[in-house]
Amino acid sequence: MTGYRNGYEARCAAQIGPEYAYEPVKLTYVLECSYLPDFVDVANKRIIEAKGLFDAADRRKILAVKAQNPDYSIEIWFQKPSMKISKGSKTSYADWCEKNGIAWKQGPTGK
């Protein structure tokens, strides 16, 4: 199985001719999606996003929105900013924002 990610790829490689190289190039792609921010100061192009759960898909989306809309500022209000981004991670939601240059704050508490 040397050089392949799993046994299935190794078995496929055994059936594919030598003219095919294994993972020789990396191709980029862009997905066209839309984002509906929670709160927007339209005149000043400021966004506040209210988040309880901040999963990997949300993090990817926020980075893409930030990169493709540099004229908007984004601030995330977390229910629990100290929550870890995944099980076993040492990185909190707040840490992730700071690492990625995104403003954040503790949102309102209570019921």
N, C-alpha and C. Protein backbone atom coordinates (compact mmCIF):
# COMPACT_ATOMS: atom_id res chain seq x y z
N MET A 1 0.82 -1.20 0.00
CA MET A 1 0.00 0.00 0.00
C MET A 1 0.86 1.26 0.00
N THR A 2 2.11 1.15 -0.17
CA THR A 2 3.05 2.25 -0.07
C THR A 2 2.62 3.47 -0.90
N GLY A 3 2.57 4.64 -0.22
CA GLY A 3 2.29 5.89 -0.92
C GLY A 3 0.83 6.24 -1.11
N TYR A 4 -0.07 5.32 -0.82
CA TYR A 4 -1.49 5.58 -1.00
C TYR A 4 -2.15 5.85 0.35
N ARG A 5 -3.28 6.53 0.32
CA ARG A 5 -3.96 6.89 1.56
C ARG A 5 -4.68 5.71 2.22
N ASN A 6 -5.04 4.72 1.42
CA ASN A 6 -5.75 3.58 1.98
C ASN A 6 -5.63 2.39 1.02
N GLY A 7 -6.10 1.27 1.50
CA GLY A 7 -6.02 0.04 0.71
C GLY A 7 -6.82 0.09 -0.58
N TYR A 8 -7.94 0.77 -0.56
CA TYR A 8 -8.77 0.86 -1.77
C TYR A 8 -8.02 1.60 -2.87
N GLU A 9 -7.38 2.72 -2.53
CA GLU A 9 -6.60 3.44 -3.53
C GLU A 9 -5.47 2.57 -4.07
N ALA A 10 -4.84 1.80 -3.21
CA ALA A 10 -3.76 0.91 -3.64
C ALA A 10 -4.29 -0.13 -4.62
N ARG A 11 -5.48 -0.69 -4.34
CA ARG A 11 -6.06 -1.67 -5.25
C ARG A 11 -6.44 -1.03 -6.59
N CYS A 12 -6.95 0.20 -6.54
CA CYS A 12 -7.27 0.91 -7.79
C CYS A 12 -6.00 1.15 -8.59
N ALA A 13 -4.94 1.58 -7.92
CA ALA A 13 -3.67 1.86 -8.59
C ALA A 13 -3.16 0.64 -9.33
N ALA A 14 -3.38 -0.53 -8.77
CA ALA A 14 -2.92 -1.77 -9.41
C ALA A 14 -3.65 -2.01 -10.73
N GLN A 15 -4.85 -1.43 -10.88
CA GLN A 15 -5.65 -1.62 -12.09
C GLN A 15 -5.48 -0.49 -13.10
N ILE A 16 -4.87 0.63 -12.67
CA ILE A 16 -4.74 1.82 -13.53
C ILE A 16 -3.38 1.79 -14.19
N GLY A 17 -3.33 2.23 -15.45
CA GLY A 17 -2.08 2.21 -16.21
C GLY A 17 -1.03 3.18 -15.68
N PRO A 18 0.21 2.98 -16.09
CA PRO A 18 1.34 3.80 -15.62
C PRO A 18 1.29 5.26 -16.08
N GLU A 19 0.43 5.57 -17.04
CA GLU A 19 0.33 6.96 -17.50
C GLU A 19 -0.36 7.86 -16.47
N TYR A 20 -0.95 7.25 -15.43
CA TYR A 20 -1.61 8.02 -14.37
C TYR A 20 -0.68 8.13 -13.17
N ALA A 21 -0.36 9.37 -12.81
CA ALA A 21 0.44 9.61 -11.60
C ALA A 21 -0.51 9.74 -10.42
N TYR A 22 -0.05 9.37 -9.24
CA TYR A 22 -0.87 9.45 -8.03
C TYR A 22 -0.71 10.82 -7.37
N GLU A 23 -1.79 11.57 -7.29
CA GLU A 23 -1.87 12.88 -6.64
C GLU A 23 -0.72 13.82 -7.04
N PRO A 24 -0.49 14.03 -8.34
CA PRO A 24 0.64 14.87 -8.76
C PRO A 24 0.35 16.38 -8.74
N VAL A 25 -0.91 16.76 -8.76
CA VAL A 25 -1.26 18.20 -8.79
C VAL A 25 -2.36 18.49 -7.79
N LYS A 26 -2.40 19.74 -7.37
CA LYS A 26 -3.47 20.20 -6.49
C LYS A 26 -4.26 21.25 -7.27
N LEU A 27 -5.55 21.02 -7.45
CA LEU A 27 -6.41 21.95 -8.19
C LEU A 27 -7.24 22.76 -7.21
N THR A 28 -7.32 24.05 -7.44
CA THR A 28 -8.12 24.91 -6.57
C THR A 28 -9.54 25.02 -7.14
N TYR A 29 -10.48 25.34 -6.27
CA TYR A 29 -11.86 25.57 -6.70
C TYR A 29 -12.52 26.51 -5.71
N VAL A 30 -13.55 27.19 -6.20
CA VAL A 30 -14.31 28.12 -5.38
C VAL A 30 -15.78 27.70 -5.46
N LEU A 31 -16.41 27.60 -4.32
CA LEU A 31 -17.84 27.31 -4.28
C LEU A 31 -18.59 28.63 -4.19
N GLU A 32 -19.61 28.79 -4.98
CA GLU A 32 -20.41 30.00 -4.91
C GLU A 32 -21.56 29.75 -3.94
N CYS A 33 -21.57 30.48 -2.86
CA CYS A 33 -22.59 30.34 -1.83
C CYS A 33 -23.07 31.73 -1.44
N SER A 34 -24.05 31.78 -0.59
CA SER A 34 -24.48 33.07 -0.06
C SER A 34 -24.50 32.99 1.46
N TYR A 35 -24.39 34.13 2.08
CA TYR A 35 -24.30 34.24 3.54
C TYR A 35 -25.31 35.27 3.98
N LEU A 36 -26.11 34.92 4.96
CA LEU A 36 -27.11 35.82 5.51
C LEU A 36 -26.69 36.17 6.93
N PRO A 37 -26.01 37.33 7.12
CA PRO A 37 -25.54 37.69 8.46
C PRO A 37 -26.69 37.94 9.41
N ASP A 38 -26.43 37.72 10.71
CA ASP A 38 -27.47 37.91 11.71
C ASP A 38 -27.87 39.39 11.85
N PHE A 39 -26.88 40.25 12.09
CA PHE A 39 -27.15 41.68 12.31
C PHE A 39 -26.19 42.49 11.46
N VAL A 40 -26.71 43.51 10.76
CA VAL A 40 -25.87 44.30 9.87
C VAL A 40 -26.13 45.79 10.07
N ASP A 41 -25.07 46.54 10.30
CA ASP A 41 -25.10 48.00 10.23
C ASP A 41 -24.78 48.30 8.76
N VAL A 42 -25.81 48.44 7.95
CA VAL A 42 -25.65 48.56 6.51
C VAL A 42 -24.81 49.78 6.14
N ALA A 43 -25.10 50.92 6.78
CA ALA A 43 -24.40 52.16 6.44
C ALA A 43 -22.89 52.06 6.67
N ASN A 44 -22.49 51.36 7.72
CA ASN A 44 -21.07 51.27 8.06
C ASN A 44 -20.45 49.92 7.73
N LYS A 45 -21.22 49.06 7.09
CA LYS A 45 -20.75 47.74 6.66
C LYS A 45 -20.13 46.94 7.81
N ARG A 46 -20.88 46.87 8.91
CA ARG A 46 -20.44 46.09 10.07
C ARG A 46 -21.43 44.96 10.30
N ILE A 47 -20.89 43.79 10.58
CA ILE A 47 -21.69 42.58 10.80
C ILE A 47 -21.44 42.08 12.21
N ILE A 48 -22.53 41.70 12.90
CA ILE A 48 -22.42 40.97 14.16
C ILE A 48 -23.10 39.63 13.96
N GLU A 49 -22.35 38.57 14.22
CA GLU A 49 -22.85 37.21 14.10
C GLU A 49 -22.99 36.64 15.50
N ALA A 50 -24.17 36.15 15.85
CA ALA A 50 -24.44 35.55 17.16
C ALA A 50 -24.27 34.04 17.05
N LYS A 51 -23.37 33.47 17.85
CA LYS A 51 -23.08 32.05 17.72
C LYS A 51 -23.13 31.33 19.06
N GLY A 52 -23.85 30.23 19.07
CA GLY A 52 -23.78 29.27 20.16
C GLY A 52 -22.75 28.24 19.74
N LEU A 53 -23.11 27.41 18.77
CA LEU A 53 -22.19 26.43 18.18
C LEU A 53 -21.43 27.10 17.04
N PHE A 54 -20.13 26.87 16.98
CA PHE A 54 -19.28 27.45 15.93
C PHE A 54 -18.47 26.32 15.33
N ASP A 55 -19.11 25.53 14.45
CA ASP A 55 -18.48 24.33 13.91
C ASP A 55 -17.54 24.64 12.75
N ALA A 56 -16.91 23.60 12.24
CA ALA A 56 -15.91 23.76 11.18
C ALA A 56 -16.50 24.42 9.94
N ALA A 57 -17.73 24.08 9.58
CA ALA A 57 -18.37 24.69 8.40
C ALA A 57 -18.57 26.18 8.62
N ASP A 58 -18.98 26.59 9.81
CA ASP A 58 -19.15 28.01 10.12
C ASP A 58 -17.81 28.74 10.07
N ARG A 59 -16.78 28.13 10.59
CA ARG A 59 -15.46 28.76 10.59
C ARG A 59 -14.95 28.96 9.16
N ARG A 60 -15.12 27.94 8.33
CA ARG A 60 -14.73 28.04 6.93
C ARG A 60 -15.51 29.16 6.24
N LYS A 61 -16.81 29.22 6.51
CA LYS A 61 -17.67 30.23 5.89
C LYS A 61 -17.24 31.64 6.30
N ILE A 62 -17.00 31.85 7.58
CA ILE A 62 -16.61 33.18 8.07
C ILE A 62 -15.29 33.61 7.42
N LEU A 63 -14.33 32.70 7.31
CA LEU A 63 -13.06 33.05 6.66
C LEU A 63 -13.26 33.43 5.20
N ALA A 64 -14.11 32.69 4.49
CA ALA A 64 -14.38 32.99 3.09
C ALA A 64 -15.10 34.32 2.93
N VAL A 65 -16.08 34.57 3.79
CA VAL A 65 -16.82 35.84 3.72
C VAL A 65 -15.87 37.00 4.00
N LYS A 66 -15.03 36.86 5.01
CA LYS A 66 -14.07 37.91 5.35
C LYS A 66 -13.12 38.18 4.18
N ALA A 67 -12.60 37.13 3.57
CA ALA A 67 -11.65 37.27 2.47
C ALA A 67 -12.29 37.89 1.23
N GLN A 68 -13.54 37.53 0.96
CA GLN A 68 -14.18 37.97 -0.27
C GLN A 68 -15.00 39.25 -0.11
N ASN A 69 -15.11 39.75 1.13
CA ASN A 69 -15.85 40.98 1.40
C ASN A 69 -15.04 41.86 2.37
N PRO A 70 -13.85 42.28 1.95
CA PRO A 70 -12.96 43.00 2.85
C PRO A 70 -13.49 44.36 3.31
N ASP A 71 -14.51 44.87 2.64
CA ASP A 71 -15.08 46.16 3.03
C ASP A 71 -16.04 46.03 4.22
N TYR A 72 -16.37 44.81 4.62
CA TYR A 72 -17.22 44.57 5.80
C TYR A 72 -16.36 44.16 6.99
N SER A 73 -16.73 44.62 8.18
CA SER A 73 -16.08 44.12 9.39
C SER A 73 -17.03 43.10 10.02
N ILE A 74 -16.46 42.07 10.59
CA ILE A 74 -17.25 41.00 11.21
C ILE A 74 -16.85 40.88 12.67
N GLU A 75 -17.86 40.83 13.54
CA GLU A 75 -17.65 40.59 14.96
C GLU A 75 -18.56 39.44 15.35
N ILE A 76 -18.02 38.49 16.09
CA ILE A 76 -18.82 37.34 16.51
C ILE A 76 -19.09 37.44 18.00
N TRP A 77 -20.35 37.34 18.37
CA TRP A 77 -20.75 37.32 19.78
C TRP A 77 -21.04 35.88 20.14
N PHE A 78 -20.20 35.33 21.03
CA PHE A 78 -20.33 33.93 21.40
C PHE A 78 -21.14 33.76 22.68
N GLN A 79 -21.92 32.70 22.70
CA GLN A 79 -22.61 32.31 23.92
C GLN A 79 -21.57 31.82 24.94
N LYS A 80 -20.59 31.04 24.43
CA LYS A 80 -19.51 30.51 25.29
C LYS A 80 -18.19 30.62 24.53
N PRO A 81 -17.50 31.76 24.60
CA PRO A 81 -16.26 31.94 23.84
C PRO A 81 -15.14 30.99 24.25
N SER A 82 -15.23 30.41 25.44
CA SER A 82 -14.18 29.49 25.89
C SER A 82 -14.40 28.06 25.42
N MET A 83 -15.52 27.80 24.74
CA MET A 83 -15.81 26.46 24.20
C MET A 83 -14.72 26.10 23.19
N LYS A 84 -14.30 24.85 23.20
CA LYS A 84 -13.25 24.38 22.29
C LYS A 84 -13.84 24.12 20.91
N ILE A 85 -13.01 24.35 19.87
CA ILE A 85 -13.51 24.21 18.50
C ILE A 85 -13.80 22.76 18.13
N SER A 86 -13.20 21.82 18.84
CA SER A 86 -13.50 20.41 18.62
C SER A 86 -13.06 19.62 19.85
N LYS A 87 -13.58 18.43 19.93
CA LYS A 87 -13.23 17.55 21.06
C LYS A 87 -11.73 17.31 21.06
N GLY A 88 -11.11 17.53 22.19
CA GLY A 88 -9.68 17.31 22.32
C GLY A 88 -8.80 18.49 21.90
N SER A 89 -9.40 19.52 21.31
CA SER A 89 -8.62 20.68 20.90
C SER A 89 -8.36 21.60 22.08
N LYS A 90 -7.23 22.27 22.06
CA LYS A 90 -6.93 23.28 23.08
C LYS A 90 -7.40 24.66 22.64
N THR A 91 -7.81 24.79 21.37
CA THR A 91 -8.21 26.08 20.81
C THR A 91 -9.67 26.37 21.10
N SER A 92 -9.92 27.50 21.72
CA SER A 92 -11.30 27.92 21.99
C SER A 92 -11.83 28.74 20.81
N TYR A 93 -13.13 29.00 20.83
CA TYR A 93 -13.72 29.86 19.81
C TYR A 93 -13.01 31.21 19.79
N ALA A 94 -12.78 31.78 20.99
CA ALA A 94 -12.11 33.07 21.09
C ALA A 94 -10.69 33.00 20.53
N ASP A 95 -9.95 31.93 20.86
CA ASP A 95 -8.59 31.76 20.34
C ASP A 95 -8.59 31.73 18.82
N TRP A 96 -9.55 30.99 18.25
CA TRP A 96 -9.63 30.87 16.80
C TRP A 96 -9.85 32.24 16.17
N CYS A 97 -10.75 33.03 16.74
CA CYS A 97 -11.02 34.37 16.21
C CYS A 97 -9.76 35.24 16.27
N GLU A 98 -9.08 35.21 17.39
CA GLU A 98 -7.87 36.02 17.54
C GLU A 98 -6.81 35.61 16.53
N LYS A 99 -6.65 34.30 16.33
CA LYS A 99 -5.67 33.79 15.37
C LYS A 99 -6.00 34.25 13.95
N ASN A 100 -7.30 34.39 13.65
CA ASN A 100 -7.74 34.73 12.30
C ASN A 100 -8.13 36.19 12.13
N GLY A 101 -7.83 37.02 13.11
CA GLY A 101 -8.09 38.46 12.98
C GLY A 101 -9.55 38.83 12.94
N ILE A 102 -10.37 38.09 13.68
CA ILE A 102 -11.81 38.36 13.71
C ILE A 102 -12.19 38.81 15.12
N ALA A 103 -12.87 39.96 15.19
CA ALA A 103 -13.30 40.49 16.48
C ALA A 103 -14.35 39.57 17.09
N TRP A 104 -14.34 39.47 18.43
CA TRP A 104 -15.32 38.62 19.12
C TRP A 104 -15.60 39.22 20.49
N LYS A 105 -16.68 38.78 21.09
CA LYS A 105 -16.98 39.15 22.47
C LYS A 105 -17.93 38.14 23.07
N GLN A 106 -17.99 38.14 24.37
CA GLN A 106 -18.99 37.34 25.10
C GLN A 106 -20.34 37.99 24.86
N GLY A 107 -21.28 37.22 24.36
CA GLY A 107 -22.63 37.73 24.15
C GLY A 107 -23.39 37.81 25.46
N PRO A 108 -24.63 38.29 25.40
CA PRO A 108 -25.44 38.40 26.62
C PRO A 108 -25.71 37.03 27.24
N THR A 109 -25.76 37.02 28.57
CA THR A 109 -26.05 35.78 29.29
C THR A 109 -27.46 35.86 29.85
N GLY A 110 -27.93 34.75 30.34
CA GLY A 110 -29.27 34.71 30.93
C GLY A 110 -30.22 33.94 30.05
N LYS A 111 -31.46 33.85 30.51
CA LYS A 111 -32.45 33.06 29.77
C LYS A 111 -33.49 33.91 29.13
